[in-house]
Amino acid sequence: MTLVVFTQDFGKILLIAKGAQKITSKRLPALDRLSMVRVQFVEKSSFLYIRTVDLISSLQSIKYDLTTRMLLLLVADILDALLPISQPEQELFARFKHYIRALIHEDVHLATLVFLRDTLSFLGYVQNDTHVSLSEIFHILEELTQRDFHDRWKQLGF
């Protein structure tokens, strides 16, 4: 099983989890999509293999709400498309953790828009002091990722 993991110290990395898909695997629950985990890995032959993984939070309060879960999945897909592999993104990682907390305590639509706008600004795609409309954010994201998110945004109430 190959996983895309967004880490504080290494940015986006690809990890191989040997045997993780087996029903008896102790790692399987911790490797659920959209979980916060502590992972140790080792490099062998230019591949990164999971050595240990510990579940920090399964984010159940987010996963119970379908709209919030779908928004977080969409934002994770966008980050996956925007970020290069193995480039440290400590500031963006901290912002993403803040966004996850905002999904629990704030309006999910507003939190998502603020995070996406700030992320585009942080990565240099829009000027920080420039007002960017909702449609401009979506257009920029679709251009950068070469993906059509229109139906997904609409389905999520944007």
C-alpha atoms as a PDB file:
ATOM      1  CA  MET A   1       0.000   0.000   0.000  1.00  0.00           C
ATOM      2  CA  THR A   2       1.399   3.407  -0.988  1.00  0.00           C
ATOM      3  CA  LEU A   3       0.288   6.439   1.001  1.00  0.00           C
ATOM      4  CA  VAL A   4       0.611  10.175   0.441  1.00  0.00           C
ATOM      5  CA  VAL A   5       1.367  11.756   3.801  1.00  0.00           C
ATOM      6  CA  PHE A   6       1.628  15.459   4.617  1.00  0.00           C
ATOM      7  CA  THR A   7       4.249  15.856   7.339  1.00  0.00           C
ATOM      8  CA  GLN A   8       5.470  18.751   9.416  1.00  0.00           C
ATOM      9  CA  ASP A   9       9.165  18.159   8.783  1.00  0.00           C
ATOM     10  CA  PHE A  10       9.300  16.701   5.264  1.00  0.00           C
ATOM     11  CA  GLY A  11       6.216  18.115   3.519  1.00  0.00           C
ATOM     12  CA  LYS A  12       4.356  15.748   1.230  1.00  0.00           C
ATOM     13  CA  ILE A  13       5.963  12.323   1.079  1.00  0.00           C
ATOM     14  CA  LEU A  14       5.111   8.931  -0.365  1.00  0.00           C
ATOM     15  CA  LEU A  15       5.310   6.047   2.095  1.00  0.00           C
ATOM     16  CA  ILE A  16       5.057   2.336   1.533  1.00  0.00           C
ATOM     17  CA  ALA A  17       3.171   0.401   4.209  1.00  0.00           C
ATOM     18  CA  LYS A  18       4.033  -3.235   3.668  1.00  0.00           C
ATOM     19  CA  GLY A  19       1.331  -5.598   4.936  1.00  0.00           C
ATOM     20  CA  ALA A  20      -0.908  -2.753   6.121  1.00  0.00           C
ATOM     21  CA  GLN A  21      -3.911  -3.946   4.101  1.00  0.00           C
ATOM     22  CA  LYS A  22      -4.026  -7.324   5.827  1.00  0.00           C
ATOM     23  CA  ILE A  23      -7.076  -7.657   8.045  1.00  0.00           C
ATOM     24  CA  THR A  24      -4.801  -8.569  10.974  1.00  0.00           C
ATOM     25  CA  SER A  25      -2.560  -5.541  10.530  1.00  0.00           C
ATOM     26  CA  LYS A  26      -2.162  -3.412  13.637  1.00  0.00           C
ATOM     27  CA  ARG A  27      -1.358  -0.420  11.414  1.00  0.00           C
ATOM     28  CA  LEU A  28      -4.614  -0.445   9.442  1.00  0.00           C
ATOM     29  CA  PRO A  29      -6.749   1.647  11.873  1.00  0.00           C
ATOM     30  CA  ALA A  30      -4.031   4.315  12.151  1.00  0.00           C
ATOM     31  CA  LEU A  31      -3.732   4.552   8.359  1.00  0.00           C
ATOM     32  CA  ASP A  32      -7.349   5.556   7.818  1.00  0.00           C
ATOM     33  CA  ARG A  33      -7.575   8.502   5.450  1.00  0.00           C
ATOM     34  CA  LEU A  34      -7.680  11.891   7.182  1.00  0.00           C
ATOM     35  CA  SER A  35      -6.184  10.715  10.456  1.00  0.00           C
ATOM     36  CA  MET A  36      -3.467  12.522  12.332  1.00  0.00           C
ATOM     37  CA  VAL A  37      -0.643  10.090  13.040  1.00  0.00           C
ATOM     38  CA  ARG A  38       2.908   9.990  14.295  1.00  0.00           C
ATOM     39  CA  VAL A  39       4.931   7.963  11.821  1.00  0.00           C
ATOM     40  CA  GLN A  40       8.484   6.713  11.716  1.00  0.00           C
ATOM     41  CA  PHE A  41       9.899   5.562   8.431  1.00  0.00           C
ATOM     42  CA  VAL A  42      13.094   4.253   6.955  1.00  0.00           C
ATOM     43  CA  GLU A  43      14.583   4.780   3.503  1.00  0.00           C
ATOM     44  CA  LYS A  44      15.617   1.676   1.538  1.00  0.00           C
ATOM     45  CA  SER A  45      16.610   1.762  -2.130  1.00  0.00           C
ATOM     46  CA  SER A  46      15.219   5.311  -2.472  1.00  0.00           C
ATOM     47  CA  PHE A  47      11.786   4.253  -1.160  1.00  0.00           C
ATOM     48  CA  LEU A  48      10.340   5.263   2.212  1.00  0.00           C
ATOM     49  CA  TYR A  49       8.863   2.431   4.280  1.00  0.00           C
ATOM     50  CA  ILE A  50       6.728   2.855   7.383  1.00  0.00           C
ATOM     51  CA  ARG A  51       8.449   1.493  10.440  1.00  0.00           C
ATOM     52  CA  THR A  52       5.881   2.468  13.090  1.00  0.00           C
ATOM     53  CA  VAL A  53       2.669   4.446  13.089  1.00  0.00           C
ATOM     54  CA  ASP A  54       0.711   5.726  16.090  1.00  0.00           C
ATOM     55  CA  LEU A  55      -2.739   7.264  15.879  1.00  0.00           C
ATOM     56  CA  ILE A  56      -2.898  10.767  17.356  1.00  0.00           C
ATOM     57  CA  SER A  57      -6.461  11.600  16.301  1.00  0.00           C
ATOM     58  CA  SER A  58      -8.935   9.899  14.009  1.00  0.00           C
ATOM     59  CA  LEU A  59     -10.783  13.247  13.640  1.00  0.00           C
ATOM     60  CA  GLN A  60     -14.107  11.499  14.303  1.00  0.00           C
ATOM     61  CA  SER A  61     -15.966  14.746  15.004  1.00  0.00           C
ATOM     62  CA  ILE A  62     -15.137  15.852  11.443  1.00  0.00           C
ATOM     63  CA  LYS A  63     -15.766  12.490   9.832  1.00  0.00           C
ATOM     64  CA  TYR A  64     -19.286  12.193  11.268  1.00  0.00           C
ATOM     65  CA  ASP A  65     -20.504  15.191   9.280  1.00  0.00           C
ATOM     66  CA  LEU A  66     -20.616  14.306   5.579  1.00  0.00           C
ATOM     67  CA  THR A  67     -20.164  17.875   4.297  1.00  0.00           C
ATOM     68  CA  THR A  68     -17.213  18.559   6.580  1.00  0.00           C
ATOM     69  CA  ARG A  69     -15.607  15.228   5.673  1.00  0.00           C
ATOM     70  CA  MET A  70     -16.046  15.924   1.945  1.00  0.00           C
ATOM     71  CA  LEU A  71     -14.582  19.433   2.337  1.00  0.00           C
ATOM     72  CA  LEU A  72     -11.542  18.086   4.140  1.00  0.00           C
ATOM     73  CA  LEU A  73     -11.069  15.396   1.480  1.00  0.00           C
ATOM     74  CA  LEU A  74     -11.317  18.030  -1.249  1.00  0.00           C
ATOM     75  CA  VAL A  75      -8.788  20.301   0.456  1.00  0.00           C
ATOM     76  CA  ALA A  76      -6.464  17.311   0.963  1.00  0.00           C
ATOM     77  CA  ASP A  77      -6.762  16.509  -2.766  1.00  0.00           C
ATOM     78  CA  ILE A  78      -5.947  20.131  -3.620  1.00  0.00           C
ATOM     79  CA  LEU A  79      -2.884  20.150  -1.357  1.00  0.00           C
ATOM     80  CA  ASP A  80      -1.768  16.854  -2.879  1.00  0.00           C
ATOM     81  CA  ALA A  81      -2.000  18.398  -6.353  1.00  0.00           C
ATOM     82  CA  LEU A  82      -0.281  21.676  -5.394  1.00  0.00           C
ATOM     83  CA  LEU A  83       2.623  20.482  -3.293  1.00  0.00           C
ATOM     84  CA  PRO A  84       5.806  18.878  -4.598  1.00  0.00           C
ATOM     85  CA  ILE A  85       7.176  15.752  -2.950  1.00  0.00           C
ATOM     86  CA  SER A  86       9.742  16.086  -0.147  1.00  0.00           C
ATOM     87  CA  GLN A  87       9.709  19.861   0.157  1.00  0.00           C
ATOM     88  CA  PRO A  88       9.352  20.929   3.797  1.00  0.00           C
ATOM     89  CA  GLU A  89       6.242  23.047   4.363  1.00  0.00           C
ATOM     90  CA  GLN A  90       6.233  23.655   8.128  1.00  0.00           C
ATOM     91  CA  GLU A  91       4.230  26.885   7.961  1.00  0.00           C
ATOM     92  CA  LEU A  92       1.633  25.376   5.635  1.00  0.00           C
ATOM     93  CA  PHE A  93       1.433  22.283   7.849  1.00  0.00           C
ATOM     94  CA  ALA A  94       0.665  24.518  10.851  1.00  0.00           C
ATOM     95  CA  ARG A  95      -1.981  26.353   8.819  1.00  0.00           C
ATOM     96  CA  PHE A  96      -3.541  23.035   7.783  1.00  0.00           C
ATOM     97  CA  LYS A  97      -3.750  21.918  11.421  1.00  0.00           C
ATOM     98  CA  HIS A  98      -5.394  25.246  12.273  1.00  0.00           C
ATOM     99  CA  TYR A  99      -7.872  24.683   9.410  1.00  0.00           C
ATOM    100  CA  ILE A 100      -8.760  21.253  10.797  1.00  0.00           C
ATOM    101  CA  ARG A 101      -9.459  22.814  14.212  1.00  0.00           C
ATOM    102  CA  ALA A 102     -11.545  25.514  12.516  1.00  0.00           C
ATOM    103  CA  LEU A 103     -13.688  22.836  10.866  1.00  0.00           C
ATOM    104  CA  ILE A 104     -14.702  21.683  14.331  1.00  0.00           C
ATOM    105  CA  HIS A 105     -15.391  25.102  15.860  1.00  0.00           C
ATOM    106  CA  GLU A 106     -16.286  27.481  13.005  1.00  0.00           C
ATOM    107  CA  ASP A 107     -18.398  27.711   9.858  1.00  0.00           C
ATOM    108  CA  VAL A 108     -16.909  25.030   7.599  1.00  0.00           C
ATOM    109  CA  HIS A 109     -17.499  26.941   4.356  1.00  0.00           C
ATOM    110  CA  LEU A 110     -15.873  30.123   5.616  1.00  0.00           C
ATOM    111  CA  ALA A 111     -12.970  28.220   7.191  1.00  0.00           C
ATOM    112  CA  THR A 112     -12.354  26.416   3.900  1.00  0.00           C
ATOM    113  CA  LEU A 113     -12.414  29.592   1.830  1.00  0.00           C
ATOM    114  CA  VAL A 114     -10.053  31.387   4.225  1.00  0.00           C
ATOM    115  CA  PHE A 115      -7.663  28.421   4.221  1.00  0.00           C
ATOM    116  CA  LEU A 116      -7.663  28.125   0.422  1.00  0.00           C
ATOM    117  CA  ARG A 117      -7.170  31.870  -0.084  1.00  0.00           C
ATOM    118  CA  ASP A 118      -4.382  31.986   2.485  1.00  0.00           C
ATOM    119  CA  THR A 119      -2.744  28.890   0.989  1.00  0.00           C
ATOM    120  CA  LEU A 120      -2.767  30.388  -2.501  1.00  0.00           C
ATOM    121  CA  SER A 121      -1.261  33.569  -1.078  1.00  0.00           C
ATOM    122  CA  PHE A 122       1.348  31.675   0.971  1.00  0.00           C
ATOM    123  CA  LEU A 123       2.405  29.661  -2.100  1.00  0.00           C
ATOM    124  CA  GLY A 124       2.671  32.868  -4.137  1.00  0.00           C
ATOM    125  CA  TYR A 125      -0.281  32.398  -6.502  1.00  0.00           C
ATOM    126  CA  VAL A 126      -2.139  35.513  -5.315  1.00  0.00           C
ATOM    127  CA  GLN A 127      -0.946  38.679  -3.600  1.00  0.00           C
ATOM    128  CA  ASN A 128      -1.546  38.720   0.127  1.00  0.00           C
ATOM    129  CA  ASP A 129      -3.287  42.092   0.229  1.00  0.00           C
ATOM    130  CA  THR A 130      -5.480  41.487  -2.830  1.00  0.00           C
ATOM    131  CA  HIS A 131      -9.167  40.639  -2.498  1.00  0.00           C
ATOM    132  CA  VAL A 132      -9.838  37.340  -4.248  1.00  0.00           C
ATOM    133  CA  SER A 133     -13.413  36.317  -4.987  1.00  0.00           C
ATOM    134  CA  LEU A 134     -14.777  32.847  -4.484  1.00  0.00           C
ATOM    135  CA  SER A 135     -14.974  32.213  -8.223  1.00  0.00           C
ATOM    136  CA  GLU A 136     -11.365  33.426  -8.658  1.00  0.00           C
ATOM    137  CA  ILE A 137     -10.163  31.018  -5.970  1.00  0.00           C
ATOM    138  CA  PHE A 138     -11.914  28.124  -7.701  1.00  0.00           C
ATOM    139  CA  HIS A 139     -10.603  29.173 -11.112  1.00  0.00           C
ATOM    140  CA  ILE A 140      -7.009  29.466  -9.855  1.00  0.00           C
ATOM    141  CA  LEU A 141      -7.206  26.075  -8.153  1.00  0.00           C
ATOM    142  CA  GLU A 142      -8.598  24.407 -11.264  1.00  0.00           C
ATOM    143  CA  GLU A 143      -5.877  25.946 -13.439  1.00  0.00           C
ATOM    144  CA  LEU A 144      -3.086  24.960 -11.055  1.00  0.00           C
ATOM    145  CA  THR A 145      -4.258  21.404 -10.458  1.00  0.00           C
ATOM    146  CA  GLN A 146      -5.663  20.749 -13.950  1.00  0.00           C
ATOM    147  CA  ARG A 147      -8.754  19.320 -12.247  1.00  0.00           C
ATOM    148  CA  ASP A 148     -12.392  20.288 -12.532  1.00  0.00           C
ATOM    149  CA  PHE A 149     -13.775  20.786  -9.033  1.00  0.00           C
ATOM    150  CA  HIS A 150     -16.929  22.631 -10.132  1.00  0.00           C
ATOM    151  CA  ASP A 151     -19.363  19.801  -9.396  1.00  0.00           C
ATOM    152  CA  ARG A 152     -17.740  19.023  -6.061  1.00  0.00           C
ATOM    153  CA  TRP A 153     -17.882  22.685  -4.957  1.00  0.00           C
ATOM    154  CA  LYS A 154     -21.520  22.871  -5.993  1.00  0.00           C
ATOM    155  CA  GLN A 155     -22.347  19.652  -4.169  1.00  0.00           C
ATOM    156  CA  LEU A 156     -20.787  21.117  -1.011  1.00  0.00           C
ATOM    157  CA  GLY A 157     -22.933  24.252  -1.099  1.00  0.00           C
ATOM    158  CA  PHE A 158     -20.545  26.792  -2.649  1.00  0.00           C
END
